[in-house]
Amino acid sequence: MWVHGDLHPANVVVSDGTLSGIVDFGDLFAGDPAWDLGAAWVLLPAGTASRFFDTYAHADEAAIRRARGLAAMKCLFLILMGQNGDRGLPGGKPHWGPLGRAALDRVLKGV
């Protein structure tokens, strides 16, 4: 299965609160769909991940567990990039830290 592999807030386009596009296909690869399913926690508001998986219907419990782990990894990356931005380091993005912390909270709570 083709997966984007790098779904996070900077790689999606939102119009009027609705996902309307995906950009940056530099990490596109064939692999485990859990890489992209982790976006349920990284991109969606609190309380919507379970509804997403119910609607998606192609993810079994093992895929959801893998997706949760991969989402946690993506959250830690966002937090690190935010810290780098706060420190003024090249490539750092200070606004990514709060996004990563909020997403990690959703991952840990399972919402």
N, C-alpha and C. Protein backbone atom coordinates (compact mmCIF):
# COMPACT_ATOMS: atom_id res chain seq x y z
N MET A 1 0.85 -1.16 0.00
CA MET A 1 0.00 0.00 0.00
C MET A 1 0.90 1.24 0.00
N TRP A 2 0.54 2.23 -0.80
CA TRP A 2 1.27 3.49 -0.81
C TRP A 2 0.88 4.31 0.42
N VAL A 3 1.88 4.87 1.07
CA VAL A 3 1.63 5.73 2.22
C VAL A 3 2.42 7.03 2.06
N HIS A 4 1.87 8.10 2.58
CA HIS A 4 2.53 9.40 2.53
C HIS A 4 3.78 9.37 3.40
N GLY A 5 3.64 8.88 4.62
CA GLY A 5 4.77 8.69 5.50
C GLY A 5 5.18 9.88 6.35
N ASP A 6 4.58 11.04 6.12
CA ASP A 6 5.00 12.23 6.88
C ASP A 6 3.83 13.18 7.09
N LEU A 7 2.71 12.63 7.53
CA LEU A 7 1.53 13.47 7.76
C LEU A 7 1.65 14.18 9.10
N HIS A 8 1.71 15.49 9.04
CA HIS A 8 1.72 16.34 10.23
C HIS A 8 1.16 17.69 9.80
N PRO A 9 0.93 18.62 10.73
CA PRO A 9 0.23 19.86 10.39
C PRO A 9 0.84 20.67 9.25
N ALA A 10 2.14 20.60 9.03
CA ALA A 10 2.74 21.39 7.96
C ALA A 10 2.55 20.74 6.58
N ASN A 11 2.08 19.51 6.54
CA ASN A 11 1.94 18.81 5.27
C ASN A 11 0.49 18.59 4.85
N VAL A 12 -0.41 19.31 5.47
CA VAL A 12 -1.81 19.23 5.06
C VAL A 12 -2.34 20.64 4.80
N VAL A 13 -3.35 20.71 3.96
CA VAL A 13 -4.02 21.97 3.65
C VAL A 13 -5.43 21.87 4.23
N VAL A 14 -5.80 22.87 5.01
CA VAL A 14 -7.12 22.90 5.63
C VAL A 14 -7.85 24.15 5.16
N SER A 15 -9.09 23.97 4.73
CA SER A 15 -9.93 25.09 4.31
C SER A 15 -11.22 25.06 5.11
N ASP A 16 -11.50 26.12 5.83
CA ASP A 16 -12.71 26.21 6.65
C ASP A 16 -12.85 25.01 7.59
N GLY A 17 -11.73 24.58 8.19
CA GLY A 17 -11.76 23.49 9.16
C GLY A 17 -11.85 22.10 8.56
N THR A 18 -11.75 21.99 7.25
CA THR A 18 -11.86 20.70 6.58
C THR A 18 -10.57 20.38 5.83
N LEU A 19 -10.07 19.17 5.98
CA LEU A 19 -8.91 18.75 5.24
C LEU A 19 -9.21 18.83 3.75
N SER A 20 -8.41 19.60 3.03
CA SER A 20 -8.67 19.77 1.60
C SER A 20 -7.50 19.37 0.72
N GLY A 21 -6.36 19.03 1.32
CA GLY A 21 -5.23 18.61 0.51
C GLY A 21 -4.07 18.12 1.36
N ILE A 22 -3.17 17.43 0.69
CA ILE A 22 -1.96 16.92 1.32
C ILE A 22 -0.80 17.32 0.42
N VAL A 23 0.29 17.79 1.02
CA VAL A 23 1.47 18.20 0.26
C VAL A 23 2.70 17.46 0.75
N ASP A 24 3.81 17.67 0.07
CA ASP A 24 5.12 17.13 0.43
C ASP A 24 5.13 15.61 0.41
N PHE A 25 5.24 15.06 -0.77
CA PHE A 25 5.26 13.61 -0.93
C PHE A 25 6.69 13.07 -1.00
N GLY A 26 7.64 13.77 -0.39
CA GLY A 26 9.04 13.36 -0.41
C GLY A 26 9.31 12.08 0.34
N ASP A 27 8.43 11.68 1.25
CA ASP A 27 8.61 10.45 2.02
C ASP A 27 7.67 9.34 1.57
N LEU A 28 7.03 9.51 0.41
CA LEU A 28 6.10 8.52 -0.11
C LEU A 28 6.80 7.17 -0.27
N PHE A 29 6.15 6.11 0.20
CA PHE A 29 6.71 4.78 0.07
C PHE A 29 5.59 3.74 0.15
N ALA A 30 5.92 2.52 -0.21
CA ALA A 30 4.99 1.41 -0.05
C ALA A 30 5.27 0.79 1.31
N GLY A 31 4.24 0.62 2.11
CA GLY A 31 4.48 0.06 3.43
C GLY A 31 3.23 -0.07 4.27
N ASP A 32 3.43 -0.09 5.55
CA ASP A 32 2.38 -0.29 6.54
C ASP A 32 1.50 0.97 6.61
N PRO A 33 0.21 0.84 6.38
CA PRO A 33 -0.68 2.01 6.45
C PRO A 33 -0.71 2.66 7.83
N ALA A 34 -0.21 1.98 8.86
CA ALA A 34 -0.18 2.57 10.20
C ALA A 34 0.61 3.87 10.20
N TRP A 35 1.59 4.02 9.29
CA TRP A 35 2.35 5.27 9.20
C TRP A 35 1.41 6.45 9.00
N ASP A 36 0.43 6.30 8.12
CA ASP A 36 -0.50 7.39 7.86
C ASP A 36 -1.69 7.40 8.83
N LEU A 37 -2.06 6.24 9.34
CA LEU A 37 -3.19 6.19 10.27
C LEU A 37 -2.89 6.92 11.57
N GLY A 38 -1.62 7.05 11.92
CA GLY A 38 -1.24 7.80 13.11
C GLY A 38 -1.68 9.25 13.04
N ALA A 39 -1.98 9.73 11.84
CA ALA A 39 -2.46 11.10 11.68
C ALA A 39 -3.79 11.33 12.40
N ALA A 40 -4.48 10.25 12.75
CA ALA A 40 -5.74 10.39 13.48
C ALA A 40 -5.52 11.14 14.79
N TRP A 41 -4.37 10.96 15.42
CA TRP A 41 -4.06 11.67 16.66
C TRP A 41 -3.29 12.95 16.41
N VAL A 42 -2.47 12.96 15.38
CA VAL A 42 -1.60 14.11 15.12
C VAL A 42 -2.37 15.27 14.49
N LEU A 43 -3.35 14.97 13.64
CA LEU A 43 -4.04 16.01 12.88
C LEU A 43 -5.47 16.30 13.33
N LEU A 44 -6.14 15.30 13.85
CA LEU A 44 -7.56 15.47 14.17
C LEU A 44 -7.76 15.99 15.58
N PRO A 45 -8.86 16.68 15.82
CA PRO A 45 -9.13 17.20 17.17
C PRO A 45 -9.35 16.08 18.18
N ALA A 46 -9.18 16.42 19.44
CA ALA A 46 -9.40 15.46 20.52
C ALA A 46 -10.78 14.84 20.41
N GLY A 47 -10.84 13.55 20.67
CA GLY A 47 -12.12 12.85 20.69
C GLY A 47 -12.57 12.32 19.34
N THR A 48 -11.76 12.49 18.29
CA THR A 48 -12.21 12.06 16.97
C THR A 48 -11.46 10.84 16.43
N ALA A 49 -10.38 10.43 17.06
CA ALA A 49 -9.60 9.30 16.54
C ALA A 49 -10.45 8.03 16.47
N SER A 50 -11.20 7.72 17.51
CA SER A 50 -11.99 6.49 17.50
C SER A 50 -13.05 6.54 16.40
N ARG A 51 -13.66 7.69 16.20
CA ARG A 51 -14.64 7.82 15.11
C ARG A 51 -13.97 7.64 13.75
N PHE A 52 -12.75 8.18 13.62
CA PHE A 52 -12.00 8.01 12.38
C PHE A 52 -11.79 6.52 12.11
N PHE A 53 -11.32 5.76 13.11
CA PHE A 53 -11.05 4.35 12.90
C PHE A 53 -12.32 3.55 12.66
N ASP A 54 -13.41 3.93 13.31
CA ASP A 54 -14.69 3.26 13.05
C ASP A 54 -15.13 3.47 11.61
N THR A 55 -14.94 4.68 11.12
CA THR A 55 -15.33 5.01 9.74
C THR A 55 -14.38 4.39 8.73
N TYR A 56 -13.09 4.42 9.02
CA TYR A 56 -12.09 3.87 8.10
C TYR A 56 -12.31 2.38 7.88
N ALA A 57 -12.55 1.64 8.93
CA ALA A 57 -12.96 0.23 8.90
C ALA A 57 -11.94 -0.74 8.33
N HIS A 58 -10.77 -0.29 7.92
CA HIS A 58 -9.76 -1.22 7.40
C HIS A 58 -8.61 -1.42 8.38
N ALA A 59 -8.73 -0.87 9.57
CA ALA A 59 -7.66 -0.98 10.56
C ALA A 59 -8.09 -1.89 11.70
N ASP A 60 -7.37 -2.99 11.84
CA ASP A 60 -7.67 -3.87 12.97
C ASP A 60 -6.94 -3.32 14.21
N GLU A 61 -7.13 -3.98 15.34
CA GLU A 61 -6.55 -3.48 16.59
C GLU A 61 -5.03 -3.41 16.53
N ALA A 62 -4.40 -4.36 15.86
CA ALA A 62 -2.93 -4.34 15.75
C ALA A 62 -2.47 -3.14 14.94
N ALA A 63 -3.17 -2.82 13.86
CA ALA A 63 -2.80 -1.65 13.05
C ALA A 63 -3.00 -0.36 13.85
N ILE A 64 -4.04 -0.31 14.65
CA ILE A 64 -4.29 0.88 15.46
C ILE A 64 -3.21 1.03 16.53
N ARG A 65 -2.76 -0.07 17.12
CA ARG A 65 -1.65 0.00 18.09
C ARG A 65 -0.37 0.49 17.43
N ARG A 66 -0.08 -0.04 16.23
CA ARG A 66 1.11 0.44 15.51
C ARG A 66 0.97 1.91 15.18
N ALA A 67 -0.21 2.32 14.75
CA ALA A 67 -0.46 3.72 14.40
C ALA A 67 -0.27 4.62 15.62
N ARG A 68 -0.72 4.17 16.78
CA ARG A 68 -0.56 4.95 18.00
C ARG A 68 0.92 5.14 18.33
N GLY A 69 1.70 4.09 18.20
CA GLY A 69 3.14 4.20 18.45
C GLY A 69 3.82 5.13 17.46
N LEU A 70 3.47 5.02 16.20
CA LEU A 70 4.06 5.90 15.18
C LEU A 70 3.61 7.34 15.39
N ALA A 71 2.38 7.54 15.84
CA ALA A 71 1.91 8.90 16.13
C ALA A 71 2.70 9.49 17.29
N ALA A 72 2.97 8.68 18.31
CA ALA A 72 3.77 9.17 19.44
C ALA A 72 5.15 9.60 18.95
N MET A 73 5.75 8.82 18.07
CA MET A 73 7.06 9.19 17.51
C MET A 73 6.96 10.52 16.75
N LYS A 74 5.92 10.69 15.96
CA LYS A 74 5.75 11.95 15.21
C LYS A 74 5.57 13.12 16.17
N CYS A 75 4.83 12.91 17.25
CA CYS A 75 4.63 13.96 18.25
C CYS A 75 5.95 14.39 18.87
N LEU A 76 6.79 13.41 19.20
CA LEU A 76 8.09 13.74 19.79
C LEU A 76 8.95 14.53 18.80
N PHE A 77 8.86 14.19 17.53
CA PHE A 77 9.56 14.96 16.49
C PHE A 77 9.06 16.40 16.46
N LEU A 78 7.74 16.58 16.50
CA LEU A 78 7.18 17.93 16.48
C LEU A 78 7.63 18.72 17.71
N ILE A 79 7.64 18.07 18.86
CA ILE A 79 8.08 18.74 20.09
C ILE A 79 9.55 19.15 19.97
N LEU A 80 10.39 18.25 19.46
CA LEU A 80 11.81 18.56 19.29
C LEU A 80 12.01 19.72 18.32
N MET A 81 11.29 19.72 17.21
CA MET A 81 11.41 20.83 16.25
C MET A 81 10.95 22.14 16.89
N GLY A 82 9.95 22.07 17.75
CA GLY A 82 9.50 23.25 18.48
C GLY A 82 10.57 23.75 19.43
N GLN A 83 11.21 22.84 20.15
CA GLN A 83 12.29 23.24 21.05
C GLN A 83 13.45 23.85 20.27
N ASN A 84 13.76 23.28 19.13
CA ASN A 84 14.82 23.85 18.30
C ASN A 84 14.47 25.26 17.85
N GLY A 85 13.21 25.48 17.54
CA GLY A 85 12.77 26.83 17.17
C GLY A 85 12.85 27.79 18.33
N ASP A 86 12.47 27.33 19.52
CA ASP A 86 12.56 28.18 20.71
C ASP A 86 14.00 28.58 21.00
N ARG A 87 14.93 27.70 20.66
CA ARG A 87 16.35 27.97 20.89
C ARG A 87 17.00 28.73 19.73
N GLY A 88 16.23 28.97 18.67
CA GLY A 88 16.77 29.69 17.52
C GLY A 88 17.68 28.85 16.65
N LEU A 89 17.56 27.54 16.73
CA LEU A 89 18.41 26.66 15.94
C LEU A 89 17.90 26.57 14.50
N PRO A 90 18.80 26.37 13.54
CA PRO A 90 18.39 26.27 12.14
C PRO A 90 17.36 25.16 11.94
N GLY A 91 16.33 25.47 11.17
CA GLY A 91 15.29 24.50 10.88
C GLY A 91 14.25 24.34 11.96
N GLY A 92 14.45 24.97 13.11
CA GLY A 92 13.49 24.86 14.20
C GLY A 92 12.20 25.59 13.87
N LYS A 93 11.12 25.10 14.42
CA LYS A 93 9.79 25.68 14.18
C LYS A 93 9.09 25.85 15.53
N PRO A 94 9.17 27.03 16.14
CA PRO A 94 8.62 27.20 17.49
C PRO A 94 7.14 26.86 17.61
N HIS A 95 6.37 27.05 16.56
CA HIS A 95 4.92 26.77 16.65
C HIS A 95 4.61 25.28 16.59
N TRP A 96 5.58 24.43 16.29
CA TRP A 96 5.34 23.00 16.24
C TRP A 96 5.31 22.37 17.63
N GLY A 97 6.00 22.95 18.59
CA GLY A 97 6.03 22.38 19.94
C GLY A 97 4.65 22.22 20.56
N PRO A 98 3.85 23.29 20.60
CA PRO A 98 2.51 23.14 21.18
C PRO A 98 1.65 22.13 20.41
N LEU A 99 1.79 22.08 19.10
CA LEU A 99 1.03 21.10 18.31
C LEU A 99 1.43 19.68 18.70
N GLY A 100 2.74 19.46 18.84
CA GLY A 100 3.23 18.14 19.22
C GLY A 100 2.80 17.73 20.61
N ARG A 101 2.83 18.67 21.56
CA ARG A 101 2.41 18.35 22.93
C ARG A 101 0.92 18.03 22.99
N ALA A 102 0.11 18.79 22.28
CA ALA A 102 -1.33 18.53 22.27
C ALA A 102 -1.63 17.17 21.62
N ALA A 103 -0.94 16.87 20.53
CA ALA A 103 -1.15 15.59 19.86
C ALA A 103 -0.67 14.43 20.74
N LEU A 104 0.46 14.60 21.42
CA LEU A 104 0.95 13.55 22.31
C LEU A 104 -0.06 13.29 23.43
N ASP A 105 -0.67 14.33 23.93
CA ASP A 105 -1.70 14.18 24.96
C ASP A 105 -2.86 13.33 24.42
N ARG A 106 -3.26 13.58 23.16
CA ARG A 106 -4.34 12.78 22.56
C ARG A 106 -3.90 11.32 22.39
N VAL A 107 -2.66 11.10 21.97
CA VAL A 107 -2.16 9.74 21.79
C VAL A 107 -2.17 9.00 23.12
N LEU A 108 -1.66 9.64 24.17
CA LEU A 108 -1.56 8.98 25.47
C LEU A 108 -2.93 8.71 26.09
N LYS A 109 -3.87 9.60 25.84
CA LYS A 109 -5.22 9.41 26.37
C LYS A 109 -6.06 8.50 25.48
N GLY A 110 -5.58 8.27 24.25
CA GLY A 110 -6.32 7.41 23.33
C GLY A 110 -7.53 8.07 22.73
N VAL A 111 -7.54 9.41 22.70
CA VAL A 111 -8.71 10.12 22.15
C VAL A 111 -8.37 10.81 20.84
